[in-house]
Amino acid sequence: MAADDRQDVAEALDDDKLDDKSGLDEDRELDYVAPDAPVASLDYGVTDREQAIDEPIEERAERWEPDPLVDALDREADERP
């Protein structure tokens, strides 16, 4: 398949050229807009320097959130006779 053929196929699949959208998930929004704020761009490990060294445990502990499933399973196990 030549490069021109692949481009033609890709252009034929553009949303504005598709008549039947029945294959799409009906619950999904077709006009999704990405959030304005970048996600995880300020997290540790984004830069090369940060990737080369481990994240300080104090910083990791600040953003750590407990897993609610683990907590629920622990409570259930404690309640068993």
Protein backbone atom coordinates (compact mmCIF):
# COMPACT_ATOMS: atom_id res chain seq x y z
CA MET A 1 0.00 0.00 0.00
CA ALA A 2 1.49 3.31 -1.05
CA ALA A 3 1.70 6.29 1.27
CA ASP A 4 -0.93 8.13 -0.80
CA ASP A 5 -3.34 5.21 -0.40
CA ARG A 6 -2.96 5.23 3.39
CA GLN A 7 -3.59 8.98 3.45
CA ASP A 8 -6.75 8.50 1.37
CA VAL A 9 -8.00 5.81 3.76
CA ALA A 10 -7.25 8.01 6.78
CA GLU A 11 -9.07 10.98 5.25
CA ALA A 12 -12.08 8.81 4.42
CA LEU A 13 -12.37 7.95 8.12
CA ASP A 14 -12.51 11.57 9.28
CA ASP A 15 -15.55 12.32 11.46
CA ASP A 16 -16.92 14.85 9.01
CA LYS A 17 -17.02 12.21 6.28
CA LEU A 18 -18.57 9.39 8.31
CA ASP A 19 -22.31 9.07 7.84
CA ASP A 20 -22.96 6.18 10.23
CA LYS A 21 -21.80 6.77 13.80
CA SER A 22 -23.71 3.76 15.15
CA GLY A 23 -20.47 1.94 15.95
CA LEU A 24 -19.63 4.57 18.57
CA ASP A 25 -20.44 4.12 22.22
CA GLU A 26 -23.67 6.03 22.80
CA ASP A 27 -22.65 7.08 26.31
CA ARG A 28 -19.46 8.71 25.10
CA GLU A 29 -19.49 12.40 24.44
CA LEU A 30 -18.52 13.15 20.86
CA ASP A 31 -17.49 16.71 21.64
CA TYR A 32 -15.07 16.00 24.50
CA VAL A 33 -12.94 18.96 25.51
CA ALA A 34 -9.70 18.40 27.37
CA PRO A 35 -9.33 20.15 30.74
CA ASP A 36 -7.65 23.55 30.76
CA ALA A 37 -5.20 22.63 33.49
CA PRO A 38 -2.41 20.21 32.63
CA VAL A 39 -2.64 16.90 34.45
CA ALA A 40 0.41 15.60 36.33
CA SER A 41 2.78 18.06 34.70
CA LEU A 42 3.95 19.22 38.11
CA ASP A 43 4.36 15.72 39.54
CA TYR A 44 7.77 14.40 40.44
CA GLY A 45 9.62 12.57 37.68
CA VAL A 46 8.68 14.77 34.74
CA THR A 47 12.17 16.14 34.11
CA ASP A 48 15.21 14.07 33.18
CA ARG A 49 16.94 15.00 36.44
CA GLU A 50 13.98 13.86 38.52
CA GLN A 51 13.78 10.60 36.60
CA ALA A 52 17.44 9.90 37.34
CA ILE A 53 16.99 10.07 41.13
CA ASP A 54 14.32 8.64 43.42
CA GLU A 55 11.56 10.86 44.68
CA PRO A 56 12.06 11.97 48.28
CA ILE A 57 9.78 9.99 50.58
CA GLU A 58 8.42 13.20 52.14
CA GLU A 59 7.09 14.37 48.75
CA ARG A 60 5.65 10.97 47.94
CA ALA A 61 3.92 10.81 51.33
CA GLU A 62 2.33 14.24 50.79
CA ARG A 63 0.39 13.11 47.72
CA TRP A 64 -0.30 9.54 48.85
CA GLU A 65 -3.96 8.62 49.15
CA PRO A 66 -5.10 5.39 50.78
CA ASP A 67 -6.83 2.81 48.61
CA PRO A 68 -10.49 2.69 49.67
CA LEU A 69 -10.81 -0.95 48.55
CA VAL A 70 -7.96 -2.05 50.81
CA ASP A 71 -9.52 -0.16 53.71
CA ALA A 72 -12.91 -1.79 53.09
CA LEU A 73 -11.36 -5.25 52.88
CA ASP A 74 -9.44 -4.65 56.11
CA ARG A 75 -12.63 -3.58 57.91
CA GLU A 76 -14.46 -6.62 56.56
CA ALA A 77 -11.70 -8.92 57.73
CA ASP A 78 -11.75 -7.33 61.20
CA GLU A 79 -15.52 -7.86 61.47
CA ARG A 80 -15.31 -11.59 60.73
CA PRO A 81 -15.52 -13.87 63.77
